């Protein structure tokens, strides 16, 4: 039982780390923003500059495949933790809660997003 509690605790810590890792990877992949400017003739003979923002993100890309794979792992781990909690074993419930708290303490101290809309576990 002690080994199960330690394993569940570590799984909950790693779950929080996985969430932060996905957020960091997403931020890095969305930094690829370009600004294109093109001159346009104005009505009175002046030249106006029109600027367009283009984001260099594609559906078929290694970064998107990695995000998809990590999302699947995150969903599976979150449901496993939920099932462990639903055994209503007090020691396992405490291990899940303590692991989630420790994981948040270790990994989320630099978190930029306050509300996570992609959260599956709580």
PDB file of N, CA and C in Angstrom:
ATOM      1  N   UNK A   1       0.825  -1.196   0.000  1.00  0.00           N
ATOM      2  CA  UNK A   1       0.000   0.000   0.000  1.00  0.00           C
ATOM      3  C   UNK A   1       0.866   1.257   0.000  1.00  0.00           C
ATOM      4  N   UNK A   2       1.970   1.211   0.734  1.00  0.00           N
ATOM      5  CA  UNK A   2       2.872   2.362   0.769  1.00  0.00           C
ATOM      6  C   UNK A   2       3.452   2.616  -0.620  1.00  0.00           C
ATOM      7  N   UNK A   3       3.825   1.526  -1.304  1.00  0.00           N
ATOM      8  CA  UNK A   3       4.358   1.668  -2.659  1.00  0.00           C
ATOM      9  C   UNK A   3       3.334   2.250  -3.620  1.00  0.00           C
ATOM     10  N   UNK A   4       2.074   1.837  -3.493  1.00  0.00           N
ATOM     11  CA  UNK A   4       1.003   2.378  -4.337  1.00  0.00           C
ATOM     12  C   UNK A   4       0.809   3.866  -4.075  1.00  0.00           C
ATOM     13  N   UNK A   5       0.857   4.261  -2.814  1.00  0.00           N
ATOM     14  CA  UNK A   5       0.701   5.681  -2.472  1.00  0.00           C
ATOM     15  C   UNK A   5       1.853   6.508  -3.033  1.00  0.00           C
ATOM     16  N   UNK A   6       3.069   5.982  -2.946  1.00  0.00           N
ATOM     17  CA  UNK A   6       4.229   6.698  -3.500  1.00  0.00           C
ATOM     18  C   UNK A   6       4.114   6.796  -5.012  1.00  0.00           C
ATOM     19  N   UNK A   7       3.701   5.704  -5.660  1.00  0.00           N
ATOM     20  CA  UNK A   7       3.528   5.719  -7.117  1.00  0.00           C
ATOM     21  C   UNK A   7       2.467   6.705  -7.568  1.00  0.00           C
ATOM     22  N   UNK A   8       1.342   6.746  -6.874  1.00  0.00           N
ATOM     23  CA  UNK A   8       0.261   7.672  -7.210  1.00  0.00           C
ATOM     24  C   UNK A   8       0.708   9.110  -6.958  1.00  0.00           C
ATOM     25  N   UNK A   9       1.431   9.334  -5.861  1.00  0.00           N
ATOM     26  CA  UNK A   9       1.964  10.657  -5.567  1.00  0.00           C
ATOM     27  C   UNK A   9       2.870  11.136  -6.709  1.00  0.00           C
ATOM     28  N   UNK A  10       3.793  10.279  -7.143  1.00  0.00           N
ATOM     29  CA  UNK A  10       4.711  10.646  -8.229  1.00  0.00           C
ATOM     30  C   UNK A  10       3.973  10.852  -9.550  1.00  0.00           C
ATOM     31  N   UNK A  11       2.946  10.035  -9.810  1.00  0.00           N
ATOM     32  CA  UNK A  11       2.155  10.203 -11.029  1.00  0.00           C
ATOM     33  C   UNK A  11       1.441  11.555 -11.028  1.00  0.00           C
ATOM     34  N   UNK A  12       0.917  11.960  -9.875  1.00  0.00           N
ATOM     35  CA  UNK A  12       0.242  13.258  -9.786  1.00  0.00           C
ATOM     36  C   UNK A  12       1.239  14.401  -9.955  1.00  0.00           C
ATOM     37  N   UNK A  13       2.449  14.258  -9.407  1.00  0.00           N
ATOM     38  CA  UNK A  13       3.489  15.281  -9.590  1.00  0.00           C
ATOM     39  C   UNK A  13       3.855  15.383 -11.069  1.00  0.00           C
ATOM     40  N   UNK A  14       4.053  14.244 -11.715  1.00  0.00           N
ATOM     41  CA  UNK A  14       4.424  14.253 -13.133  1.00  0.00           C
ATOM     42  C   UNK A  14       3.289  14.777 -14.014  1.00  0.00           C
ATOM     43  N   UNK A  15       2.049  14.564 -13.592  1.00  0.00           N
ATOM     44  CA  UNK A  15       0.908  15.112 -14.334  1.00  0.00           C
ATOM     45  C   UNK A  15       0.965  16.637 -14.364  1.00  0.00           C
ATOM     46  N   UNK A  16       1.253  17.234 -13.226  1.00  0.00           N
ATOM     47  CA  UNK A  16       1.382  18.697 -13.184  1.00  0.00           C
ATOM     48  C   UNK A  16       2.562  19.158 -14.038  1.00  0.00           C
ATOM     49  N   UNK A  17       3.662  18.400 -14.024  1.00  0.00           N
ATOM     50  CA  UNK A  17       4.814  18.733 -14.870  1.00  0.00           C
ATOM     51  C   UNK A  17       4.478  18.627 -16.347  1.00  0.00           C
ATOM     52  N   UNK A  18       3.681  17.630 -16.707  1.00  0.00           N
ATOM     53  CA  UNK A  18       3.263  17.465 -18.095  1.00  0.00           C
ATOM     54  C   UNK A  18       2.405  18.644 -18.549  1.00  0.00           C
ATOM     55  N   UNK A  19       1.515  19.107 -17.677  1.00  0.00           N
ATOM     56  CA  UNK A  19       0.692  20.266 -18.029  1.00  0.00           C
ATOM     57  C   UNK A  19       1.556  21.493 -18.302  1.00  0.00           C
ATOM     58  N   UNK A  20       2.528  21.734 -17.433  1.00  0.00           N
ATOM     59  CA  UNK A  20       3.407  22.892 -17.620  1.00  0.00           C
ATOM     60  C   UNK A  20       4.282  22.720 -18.850  1.00  0.00           C
ATOM     61  N   UNK A  21       4.753  21.509 -19.089  1.00  0.00           N
ATOM     62  CA  UNK A  21       5.568  21.252 -20.277  1.00  0.00           C
ATOM     63  C   UNK A  21       4.804  21.507 -21.560  1.00  0.00           C
ATOM     64  N   UNK A  22       3.537  21.089 -21.592  1.00  0.00           N
ATOM     65  CA  UNK A  22       2.716  21.355 -22.780  1.00  0.00           C
ATOM     66  C   UNK A  22       2.506  22.848 -22.986  1.00  0.00           C
ATOM     67  N   UNK A  23       2.278  23.566 -21.897  1.00  0.00           N
ATOM     68  CA  UNK A  23       2.081  25.014 -22.012  1.00  0.00           C
ATOM     69  C   UNK A  23       3.343  25.697 -22.521  1.00  0.00           C
ATOM     70  N   UNK A  24       4.493  25.262 -22.042  1.00  0.00           N
ATOM     71  CA  UNK A  24       5.761  25.842 -22.494  1.00  0.00           C
ATOM     72  C   UNK A  24       5.998  25.555 -23.969  1.00  0.00           C
ATOM     73  N   UNK A  25       5.737  24.322 -24.396  1.00  0.00           N
ATOM     74  CA  UNK A  25       5.898  23.983 -25.805  1.00  0.00           C
ATOM     75  C   UNK A  25       4.942  24.776 -26.686  1.00  0.00           C
ATOM     76  N   UNK A  26       3.723  24.968 -26.214  1.00  0.00           N
ATOM     77  CA  UNK A  26       2.749  25.742 -26.981  1.00  0.00           C
ATOM     78  C   UNK A  26       3.194  27.188 -27.125  1.00  0.00           C
ATOM     79  N   UNK A  27       3.710  27.765 -26.039  1.00  0.00           N
ATOM     80  CA  UNK A  27       4.205  29.146 -26.106  1.00  0.00           C
ATOM     81  C   UNK A  27       5.362  29.267 -27.082  1.00  0.00           C
ATOM     82  N   UNK A  28       6.267  28.299 -27.069  1.00  0.00           N
ATOM     83  CA  UNK A  28       7.418  28.343 -27.985  1.00  0.00           C
ATOM     84  C   UNK A  28       6.997  28.202 -29.436  1.00  0.00           C
ATOM     85  N   UNK A  29       5.981  27.374 -29.700  1.00  0.00           N
ATOM     86  CA  UNK A  29       5.565  27.165 -31.090  1.00  0.00           C
ATOM     87  C   UNK A  29       4.777  28.350 -31.627  1.00  0.00           C
ATOM     88  N   UNK A  30       4.174  29.155 -30.758  1.00  0.00           N
ATOM     89  CA  UNK A  30       3.388  30.292 -31.227  1.00  0.00           C
ATOM     90  C   UNK A  30       4.171  31.587 -31.268  1.00  0.00           C
ATOM     91  N   UNK A  31       5.455  31.536 -31.021  1.00  0.00           N
ATOM     92  CA  UNK A  31       6.283  32.735 -31.081  1.00  0.00           C
ATOM     93  C   UNK A  31       6.577  33.109 -32.529  1.00  0.00           C
ATOM     94  N   UNK A  32       6.353  32.183 -33.437  1.00  0.00           N
ATOM     95  CA  UNK A  32       6.683  32.380 -34.838  1.00  0.00           C
ATOM     96  C   UNK A  32       5.646  33.291 -35.508  1.00  0.00           C
ATOM     97  N   UNK A  33       5.689  34.576 -35.191  1.00  0.00           N
ATOM     98  CA  UNK A  33       4.770  35.559 -35.755  1.00  0.00           C
ATOM     99  C   UNK A  33       5.567  36.505 -36.641  1.00  0.00           C
ATOM    100  N   UNK A  34       5.056  36.738 -37.841  1.00  0.00           N
ATOM    101  CA  UNK A  34       5.727  37.636 -38.776  1.00  0.00           C
ATOM    102  C   UNK A  34       4.796  38.796 -39.119  1.00  0.00           C
ATOM    103  N   UNK A  35       5.398  39.939 -39.389  1.00  0.00           N
ATOM    104  CA  UNK A  35       4.640  41.115 -39.804  1.00  0.00           C
ATOM    105  C   UNK A  35       5.064  41.469 -41.222  1.00  0.00           C
ATOM    106  N   UNK A  36       4.103  41.530 -42.122  1.00  0.00           N
ATOM    107  CA  UNK A  36       4.368  41.885 -43.507  1.00  0.00           C
ATOM    108  C   UNK A  36       3.787  43.271 -43.774  1.00  0.00           C
ATOM    109  N   UNK A  37       4.619  44.152 -44.311  1.00  0.00           N
ATOM    110  CA  UNK A  37       4.158  45.495 -44.645  1.00  0.00           C
ATOM    111  C   UNK A  37       4.179  45.666 -46.152  1.00  0.00           C
ATOM    112  N   UNK A  38       3.167  46.332 -46.657  1.00  0.00           N
ATOM    113  CA  UNK A  38       3.122  46.607 -48.091  1.00  0.00           C
ATOM    114  C   UNK A  38       2.642  48.037 -48.310  1.00  0.00           C
ATOM    115  N   UNK A  39       3.291  48.727 -49.235  1.00  0.00           N
ATOM    116  CA  UNK A  39       2.892  50.117 -49.499  1.00  0.00           C
ATOM    117  C   UNK A  39       1.590  50.170 -50.306  1.00  0.00           C
ATOM    118  N   UNK A  40       0.739  51.108 -49.941  1.00  0.00           N
ATOM    119  CA  UNK A  40      -0.505  51.349 -50.666  1.00  0.00           C
ATOM    120  C   UNK A  40      -0.577  52.831 -51.017  1.00  0.00           C
ATOM    121  N   UNK A  41      -0.960  53.157 -52.251  1.00  0.00           N
ATOM    122  CA  UNK A  41      -1.085  54.573 -52.599  1.00  0.00           C
ATOM    123  C   UNK A  41      -2.302  55.187 -51.916  1.00  0.00           C
ATOM    124  N   UNK A  42      -2.094  56.358 -51.330  1.00  0.00           N
ATOM    125  CA  UNK A  42      -3.178  57.076 -50.665  1.00  0.00           C
ATOM    126  C   UNK A  42      -3.980  57.895 -51.658  1.00  0.00           C
ATOM    127  N   UNK A  43      -5.080  58.471 -51.203  1.00  0.00           N
ATOM    128  CA  UNK A  43      -5.971  59.238 -52.073  1.00  0.00           C
ATOM    129  C   UNK A  43      -5.328  60.539 -52.543  1.00  0.00           C
ATOM    130  N   UNK A  44      -4.478  61.150 -51.721  1.00  0.00           N
ATOM    131  CA  UNK A  44      -3.876  62.435 -52.077  1.00  0.00           C
ATOM    132  C   UNK A  44      -2.437  62.284 -52.562  1.00  0.00           C
ATOM    133  N   UNK A  45      -2.074  61.104 -53.044  1.00  0.00           N
ATOM    134  CA  UNK A  45      -0.734  60.894 -53.584  1.00  0.00           C
ATOM    135  C   UNK A  45       0.284  60.425 -52.561  1.00  0.00           C
ATOM    136  N   UNK A  46      -0.088  60.350 -51.302  1.00  0.00           N
ATOM    137  CA  UNK A  46       0.849  59.855 -50.287  1.00  0.00           C
ATOM    138  C   UNK A  46       0.872  58.327 -50.310  1.00  0.00           C
ATOM    139  N   UNK A  47       1.876  57.776 -49.689  1.00  0.00           N
ATOM    140  CA  UNK A  47       2.013  56.325 -49.629  1.00  0.00           C
ATOM    141  C   UNK A  47       1.735  55.872 -48.204  1.00  0.00           C
ATOM    142  N   UNK A  48       0.789  54.969 -48.071  1.00  0.00           N
ATOM    143  CA  UNK A  48       0.425  54.406 -46.779  1.00  0.00           C
ATOM    144  C   UNK A  48       1.043  53.014 -46.653  1.00  0.00           C
ATOM    145  N   UNK A  49       1.393  52.647 -45.440  1.00  0.00           N
ATOM    146  CA  UNK A  49       1.923  51.307 -45.186  1.00  0.00           C
ATOM    147  C   UNK A  49       0.847  50.485 -44.476  1.00  0.00           C
ATOM    148  N   UNK A  50       0.518  49.355 -45.045  1.00  0.00           N
ATOM    149  CA  UNK A  50      -0.450  48.450 -44.436  1.00  0.00           C
ATOM    150  C   UNK A  50       0.316  47.246 -43.889  1.00  0.00           C
ATOM    151  N   UNK A  51       0.086  46.929 -42.633  1.00  0.00           N
ATOM    152  CA  UNK A  51       0.813  45.843 -41.975  1.00  0.00           C
ATOM    153  C   UNK A  51      -0.140  44.706 -41.651  1.00  0.00           C
ATOM    154  N   UNK A  52       0.275  43.491 -42.004  1.00  0.00           N
ATOM    155  CA  UNK A  52      -0.505  42.291 -41.727  1.00  0.00           C
ATOM    156  C   UNK A  52       0.316  41.365 -40.838  1.00  0.00           C
ATOM    157  N   UNK A  53      -0.342  40.800 -39.863  1.00  0.00           N
ATOM    158  CA  UNK A  53       0.319  39.830 -38.980  1.00  0.00           C
ATOM    159  C   UNK A  53      -0.012  38.428 -39.479  1.00  0.00           C
ATOM    160  N   UNK A  54       1.012  37.625 -39.708  1.00  0.00           N
ATOM    161  CA  UNK A  54       0.810  36.238 -40.107  1.00  0.00           C
ATOM    162  C   UNK A  54       1.473  35.341 -39.073  1.00  0.00           C
ATOM    163  N   UNK A  55       0.772  34.304 -38.690  1.00  0.00           N
ATOM    164  CA  UNK A  55       1.296  33.354 -37.714  1.00  0.00           C
ATOM    165  C   UNK A  55       1.763  32.127 -38.473  1.00  0.00           C
ATOM    166  N   UNK A  56       3.012  31.744 -38.248  1.00  0.00           N
ATOM    167  CA  UNK A  56       3.589  30.611 -38.945  1.00  0.00           C
ATOM    168  C   UNK A  56       3.295  29.295 -38.254  1.00  0.00           C
ATOM    169  N   UNK A  57       2.026  28.933 -38.134  1.00  0.00           N
ATOM    170  CA  UNK A  57       1.651  27.689 -37.486  1.00  0.00           C
ATOM    171  C   UNK A  57       0.810  26.878 -38.459  1.00  0.00           C
ATOM    172  N   UNK A  58       1.097  25.594 -38.553  1.00  0.00           N
ATOM    173  CA  UNK A  58       0.371  24.738 -39.482  1.00  0.00           C
ATOM    174  C   UNK A  58      -0.169  23.527 -38.752  1.00  0.00           C
ATOM    175  N   UNK A  59      -1.211  22.960 -39.329  1.00  0.00           N
ATOM    176  CA  UNK A  59      -1.804  21.774 -38.722  1.00  0.00           C
ATOM    177  C   UNK A  59      -0.880  20.567 -38.864  1.00  0.00           C
ATOM    178  N   UNK A  60      -0.259  20.424 -40.003  1.00  0.00           N
ATOM    179  CA  UNK A  60       0.667  19.311 -40.238  1.00  0.00           C
ATOM    180  C   UNK A  60       2.078  19.817 -39.950  1.00  0.00           C
ATOM    181  N   UNK A  61       2.473  19.688 -38.694  1.00  0.00           N
ATOM    182  CA  UNK A  61       3.812  20.104 -38.305  1.00  0.00           C
ATOM    183  C   UNK A  61       4.263  19.224 -37.142  1.00  0.00           C
ATOM    184  N   UNK A  62       5.571  19.078 -36.968  1.00  0.00           N
ATOM    185  CA  UNK A  62       6.063  18.267 -35.841  1.00  0.00           C
ATOM    186  C   UNK A  62       5.620  18.802 -34.481  1.00  0.00           C
ATOM    187  N   UNK A  63       5.557  20.123 -34.338  1.00  0.00           N
ATOM    188  CA  UNK A  63       5.138  20.707 -33.060  1.00  0.00           C
ATOM    189  C   UNK A  63       3.684  20.347 -32.747  1.00  0.00           C
ATOM    190  N   UNK A  64       2.822  20.367 -33.760  1.00  0.00           N
ATOM    191  CA  UNK A  64       1.417  20.041 -33.538  1.00  0.00           C
ATOM    192  C   UNK A  64       1.244  18.551 -33.230  1.00  0.00           C
ATOM    193  N   UNK A  65       2.005  17.692 -33.903  1.00  0.00           N
ATOM    194  CA  UNK A  65       1.954  16.261 -33.604  1.00  0.00           C
ATOM    195  C   UNK A  65       2.414  15.982 -32.175  1.00  0.00           C
ATOM    196  N   UNK A  66       3.467  16.667 -31.733  1.00  0.00           N
ATOM    197  CA  UNK A  66       3.955  16.489 -30.374  1.00  0.00           C
ATOM    198  C   UNK A  66       2.917  16.965 -29.366  1.00  0.00           C
ATOM    199  N   UNK A  67       2.289  18.120 -29.643  1.00  0.00           N
ATOM    200  CA  UNK A  67       1.236  18.619 -28.755  1.00  0.00           C
ATOM    201  C   UNK A  67       0.068  17.626 -28.683  1.00  0.00           C
ATOM    202  N   UNK A  68      -0.285  17.031 -29.812  1.00  0.00           N
ATOM    203  CA  UNK A  68      -1.379  16.062 -29.840  1.00  0.00           C
ATOM    204  C   UNK A  68      -1.032  14.829 -29.020  1.00  0.00           C
ATOM    205  N   UNK A  69       0.170  14.310 -29.184  1.00  0.00           N
ATOM    206  CA  UNK A  69       0.604  13.141 -28.423  1.00  0.00           C
ATOM    207  C   UNK A  69       0.637  13.436 -26.926  1.00  0.00           C
ATOM    208  N   UNK A  70       1.176  14.586 -26.555  1.00  0.00           N
ATOM    209  CA  UNK A  70       1.222  14.957 -25.135  1.00  0.00           C
ATOM    210  C   UNK A  70      -0.173  15.195 -24.566  1.00  0.00           C
ATOM    211  N   UNK A  71      -1.088  15.692 -25.389  1.00  0.00           N
ATOM    212  CA  UNK A  71      -2.470  15.883 -24.941  1.00  0.00           C
ATOM    213  C   UNK A  71      -3.122  14.535 -24.635  1.00  0.00           C
ATOM    214  N   UNK A  72      -2.882  13.542 -25.491  1.00  0.00           N
ATOM    215  CA  UNK A  72      -3.430  12.207 -25.264  1.00  0.00           C
ATOM    216  C   UNK A  72      -2.887  11.632 -23.962  1.00  0.00           C
ATOM    217  N   UNK A  73      -1.579  11.766 -23.744  1.00  0.00           N
ATOM    218  CA  UNK A  73      -0.965  11.275 -22.509  1.00  0.00           C
ATOM    219  C   UNK A  73      -1.558  11.998 -21.303  1.00  0.00           C
ATOM    220  N   UNK A  74      -1.754  13.304 -21.415  1.00  0.00           N
ATOM    221  CA  UNK A  74      -2.307  14.086 -20.308  1.00  0.00           C
ATOM    222  C   UNK A  74      -3.728  13.640 -19.982  1.00  0.00           C
ATOM    223  N   UNK A  75      -4.547  13.392 -20.989  1.00  0.00           N
ATOM    224  CA  UNK A  75      -5.922  12.960 -20.748  1.00  0.00           C
ATOM    225  C   UNK A  75      -5.944  11.586 -20.082  1.00  0.00           C
ATOM    226  N   UNK A  76      -5.115  10.674 -20.576  1.00  0.00           N
ATOM    227  CA  UNK A  76      -5.081   9.324 -20.000  1.00  0.00           C
ATOM    228  C   UNK A  76      -4.632   9.370 -18.539  1.00  0.00           C
ATOM    229  N   UNK A  77      -3.572  10.125 -18.254  1.00  0.00           N
ATOM    230  CA  UNK A  77      -3.076  10.215 -16.882  1.00  0.00           C
ATOM    231  C   UNK A  77      -4.109  10.884 -15.975  1.00  0.00           C
ATOM    232  N   UNK A  78      -4.782  11.904 -16.471  1.00  0.00           N
ATOM    233  CA  UNK A  78      -5.781  12.582 -15.635  1.00  0.00           C
ATOM    234  C   UNK A  78      -6.946  11.651 -15.316  1.00  0.00           C
ATOM    235  N   UNK A  79      -7.374  10.835 -16.291  1.00  0.00           N
ATOM    236  CA  UNK A  79      -8.456   9.888 -16.011  1.00  0.00           C
ATOM    237  C   UNK A  79      -7.994   8.775 -15.068  1.00  0.00           C
ATOM    238  N   UNK A  80      -6.738   8.351 -15.191  1.00  0.00           N
ATOM    239  CA  UNK A  80      -6.220   7.351 -14.258  1.00  0.00           C
ATOM    240  C   UNK A  80      -6.194   7.891 -12.835  1.00  0.00           C
ATOM    241  N   UNK A  81      -5.757   9.140 -12.678  1.00  0.00           N
ATOM    242  CA  UNK A  81      -5.754   9.749 -11.347  1.00  0.00           C
ATOM    243  C   UNK A  81      -7.181   9.902 -10.805  1.00  0.00           C
ATOM    244  N   UNK A  82      -8.107  10.211 -11.696  1.00  0.00           N
ATOM    245  CA  UNK A  82      -9.499  10.327 -11.271  1.00  0.00           C
ATOM    246  C   UNK A  82     -10.023   8.969 -10.795  1.00  0.00           C
ATOM    247  N   UNK A  83      -9.689   7.903 -11.526  1.00  0.00           N
ATOM    248  CA  UNK A  83     -10.139   6.577 -11.122  1.00  0.00           C
ATOM    249  C   UNK A  83      -9.514   6.150  -9.795  1.00  0.00           C
ATOM    250  N   UNK A  84      -8.249   6.484  -9.591  1.00  0.00           N
ATOM    251  CA  UNK A  84      -7.608   6.183  -8.310  1.00  0.00           C
ATOM    252  C   UNK A  84      -8.323   6.922  -7.188  1.00  0.00           C
ATOM    253  N   UNK A  85      -8.642   8.183  -7.423  1.00  0.00           N
ATOM    254  CA  UNK A  85      -9.336   8.961  -6.398  1.00  0.00           C
ATOM    255  C   UNK A  85     -10.717   8.383  -6.117  1.00  0.00           C
ATOM    256  N   UNK A  86     -11.368   7.863  -7.155  1.00  0.00           N
ATOM    257  CA  UNK A  86     -12.730   7.339  -6.989  1.00  0.00           C
ATOM    258  C   UNK A  86     -12.768   5.977  -6.302  1.00  0.00           C
ATOM    259  N   UNK A  87     -11.617   5.414  -5.956  1.00  0.00           N
ATOM    260  CA  UNK A  87     -11.637   4.204  -5.130  1.00  0.00           C
ATOM    261  C   UNK A  87     -12.051   4.543  -3.707  1.00  0.00           C
ATOM    262  N   UNK A  88     -12.012   5.830  -3.362  1.00  0.00           N
ATOM    263  CA  UNK A  88     -12.363   6.341  -2.040  1.00  0.00           C
ATOM    264  C   UNK A  88     -11.482   5.765  -0.938  1.00  0.00           C
ATOM    265  N   UNK A  89     -10.291   5.310  -1.325  1.00  0.00           N
ATOM    266  CA  UNK A  89      -9.312   4.908  -0.327  1.00  0.00           C
ATOM    267  C   UNK A  89      -8.657   6.185   0.167  1.00  0.00           C
ATOM    268  N   UNK A  90      -8.747   6.434   1.445  1.00  0.00           N
ATOM    269  CA  UNK A  90      -8.272   7.710   1.997  1.00  0.00           C
ATOM    270  C   UNK A  90      -6.791   7.934   1.730  1.00  0.00           C
ATOM    271  N   UNK A  91      -5.982   6.891   1.836  1.00  0.00           N
ATOM    272  CA  UNK A  91      -4.544   7.054   1.612  1.00  0.00           C
ATOM    273  C   UNK A  91      -4.241   7.405   0.161  1.00  0.00           C
ATOM    274  N   UNK A  92      -4.934   6.747  -0.761  1.00  0.00           N
ATOM    275  CA  UNK A  92      -4.715   7.054  -2.184  1.00  0.00           C
ATOM    276  C   UNK A  92      -5.254   8.441  -2.536  1.00  0.00           C
ATOM    277  N   UNK A  93      -6.370   8.821  -1.946  1.00  0.00           N
ATOM    278  CA  UNK A  93      -6.907  10.162  -2.191  1.00  0.00           C
ATOM    279  C   UNK A  93      -5.940  11.231  -1.692  1.00  0.00           C
ATOM    280  N   UNK A  94      -5.372  11.001  -0.520  1.00  0.00           N
ATOM    281  CA  UNK A  94      -4.389  11.944   0.021  1.00  0.00           C
ATOM    282  C   UNK A  94      -3.152  11.985  -0.865  1.00  0.00           C
ATOM    283  N   UNK A  95      -2.738  10.832  -1.397  1.00  0.00           N
ATOM    284  CA  UNK A  95      -1.562  10.783  -2.279  1.00  0.00           C
ATOM    285  C   UNK A  95      -1.805  11.565  -3.568  1.00  0.00           C
ATOM    286  N   UNK A  96      -3.011  11.452  -4.142  1.00  0.00           N
ATOM    287  CA  UNK A  96      -3.331  12.206  -5.358  1.00  0.00           C
ATOM    288  C   UNK A  96      -3.331  13.707  -5.063  1.00  0.00           C
ATOM    289  N   UNK A  97      -3.987  14.100  -3.984  1.00  0.00           N
ATOM    290  CA  UNK A  97      -4.069  15.523  -3.648  1.00  0.00           C
ATOM    291  C   UNK A  97      -2.694  16.090  -3.297  1.00  0.00           C
ATOM    292  N   UNK A  98      -1.927  15.359  -2.517  1.00  0.00           N
ATOM    293  CA  UNK A  98      -0.592  15.836  -2.142  1.00  0.00           C
ATOM    294  C   UNK A  98       0.333  15.888  -3.359  1.00  0.00           C
ATOM    295  N   UNK A  99       0.229  14.909  -4.245  1.00  0.00           N
ATOM    296  CA  UNK A  99       1.050  14.918  -5.461  1.00  0.00           C
ATOM    297  C   UNK A  99       0.697  16.071  -6.381  1.00  0.00           C
ATOM    298  N   UNK A 100      -0.601  16.349  -6.505  1.00  0.00           N
ATOM    299  CA  UNK A 100      -1.013  17.483  -7.333  1.00  0.00           C
ATOM    300  C   UNK A 100      -0.522  18.793  -6.721  1.00  0.00           C
ATOM    301  N   UNK A 101      -0.600  18.894  -5.410  1.00  0.00           N
ATOM    302  CA  UNK A 101      -0.103  20.103  -4.754  1.00  0.00           C
ATOM    303  C   UNK A 101       1.397  20.271  -4.902  1.00  0.00           C
ATOM    304  N   UNK A 102       2.141  19.172  -4.722  1.00  0.00           N
ATOM    305  CA  UNK A 102       3.591  19.233  -4.876  1.00  0.00           C
ATOM    306  C   UNK A 102       3.976  19.541  -6.327  1.00  0.00           C
ATOM    307  N   UNK A 103       3.276  18.939  -7.265  1.00  0.00           N
ATOM    308  CA  UNK A 103       3.549  19.216  -8.671  1.00  0.00           C
ATOM    309  C   UNK A 103       3.284  20.665  -9.034  1.00  0.00           C
ATOM    310  N   UNK A 104       2.192  21.201  -8.523  1.00  0.00           N
ATOM    311  CA  UNK A 104       1.894  22.615  -8.767  1.00  0.00           C
ATOM    312  C   UNK A 104       2.987  23.491  -8.160  1.00  0.00           C
ATOM    313  N   UNK A 105       3.413  23.152  -6.953  1.00  0.00           N
ATOM    314  CA  UNK A 105       4.467  23.920  -6.282  1.00  0.00           C
ATOM    315  C   UNK A 105       5.763  23.877  -7.088  1.00  0.00           C
ATOM    316  N   UNK A 106       6.119  22.714  -7.620  1.00  0.00           N
ATOM    317  CA  UNK A 106       7.387  22.560  -8.335  1.00  0.00           C
ATOM    318  C   UNK A 106       7.366  23.145  -9.744  1.00  0.00           C
ATOM    319  N   UNK A 107       6.260  22.997 -10.462  1.00  0.00           N
ATOM    320  CA  UNK A 107       6.251  23.317 -11.886  1.00  0.00           C
ATOM    321  C   UNK A 107       5.490  24.590 -12.260  1.00  0.00           C
ATOM    322  N   UNK A 108       4.523  25.010 -11.481  1.00  0.00           N
ATOM    323  CA  UNK A 108       3.641  26.092 -11.922  1.00  0.00           C
ATOM    324  C   UNK A 108       3.954  27.439 -11.305  1.00  0.00           C
ATOM    325  N   UNK A 109       5.084  27.607 -10.721  1.00  0.00           N
ATOM    326  CA  UNK A 109       5.386  28.887 -10.074  1.00  0.00           C
ATOM    327  C   UNK A 109       5.650  29.985 -11.094  1.00  0.00           C
ATOM    328  N   UNK A 110       5.940  29.639 -12.340  1.00  0.00           N
ATOM    329  CA  UNK A 110       6.129  30.650 -13.388  1.00  0.00           C
ATOM    330  C   UNK A 110       4.990  30.637 -14.393  1.00  0.00           C
ATOM    331  N   UNK A 111       3.874  30.081 -14.019  1.00  0.00           N
ATOM    332  CA  UNK A 111       2.761  29.925 -14.946  1.00  0.00           C
ATOM    333  C   UNK A 111       2.203  31.283 -15.349  1.00  0.00           C
ATOM    334  N   UNK A 112       2.016  31.480 -16.662  1.00  0.00           N
ATOM    335  CA  UNK A 112       1.536  32.762 -17.170  1.00  0.00           C
ATOM    336  C   UNK A 112       0.009  32.808 -17.237  1.00  0.00           C
ATOM    337  N   UNK A 113      -0.631  31.675 -17.479  1.00  0.00           N
ATOM    338  CA  UNK A 113      -2.074  31.636 -17.634  1.00  0.00           C
ATOM    339  C   UNK A 113      -2.705  31.362 -16.281  1.00  0.00           C
ATOM    340  N   UNK A 114      -3.660  32.193 -15.899  1.00  0.00           N
ATOM    341  CA  UNK A 114      -4.299  32.037 -14.595  1.00  0.00           C
ATOM    342  C   UNK A 114      -5.400  30.986 -14.666  1.00  0.00           C
ATOM    343  N   UNK A 115      -6.207  30.988 -15.738  1.00  0.00           N
ATOM    344  CA  UNK A 115      -7.305  30.037 -15.892  1.00  0.00           C
ATOM    345  C   UNK A 115      -6.950  29.098 -17.034  1.00  0.00           C
ATOM    346  N   UNK A 116      -6.923  27.804 -16.746  1.00  0.00           N
ATOM    347  CA  UNK A 116      -6.594  26.801 -17.750  1.00  0.00           C
ATOM    348  C   UNK A 116      -7.882  26.176 -18.252  1.00  0.00           C
ATOM    349  N   UNK A 117      -8.297  26.515 -19.483  1.00  0.00           N
ATOM    350  CA  UNK A 117      -9.554  26.015 -20.009  1.00  0.00           C
ATOM    351  C   UNK A 117      -9.420  24.609 -20.567  1.00  0.00           C
ATOM    352  N   UNK A 118      -8.196  24.084 -20.670  1.00  0.00           N
ATOM    353  CA  UNK A 118      -8.006  22.739 -21.206  1.00  0.00           C
ATOM    354  C   UNK A 118      -7.871  21.701 -20.105  1.00  0.00           C
ATOM    355  N   UNK A 119      -8.160  22.077 -18.882  1.00  0.00           N
ATOM    356  CA  UNK A 119      -7.983  21.190 -17.737  1.00  0.00           C
ATOM    357  C   UNK A 119      -9.057  20.118 -17.740  1.00  0.00           C
ATOM    358  N   UNK A 120      -8.657  18.871 -17.571  1.00  0.00           N
ATOM    359  CA  UNK A 120      -9.610  17.754 -17.571  1.00  0.00           C
ATOM    360  C   UNK A 120      -9.843  17.186 -16.176  1.00  0.00           C
ATOM    361  N   UNK A 121      -8.929  17.420 -15.279  1.00  0.00           N
ATOM    362  CA  UNK A 121      -8.961  16.700 -14.014  1.00  0.00           C
ATOM    363  C   UNK A 121      -9.763  17.423 -12.930  1.00  0.00           C
ATOM    364  N   UNK A 122      -9.776  18.740 -12.893  1.00  0.00           N
ATOM    365  CA  UNK A 122     -10.543  19.408 -11.861  1.00  0.00           C
ATOM    366  C   UNK A 122     -11.523  20.358 -12.477  1.00  0.00           C
TER     367      UNK A 122
END
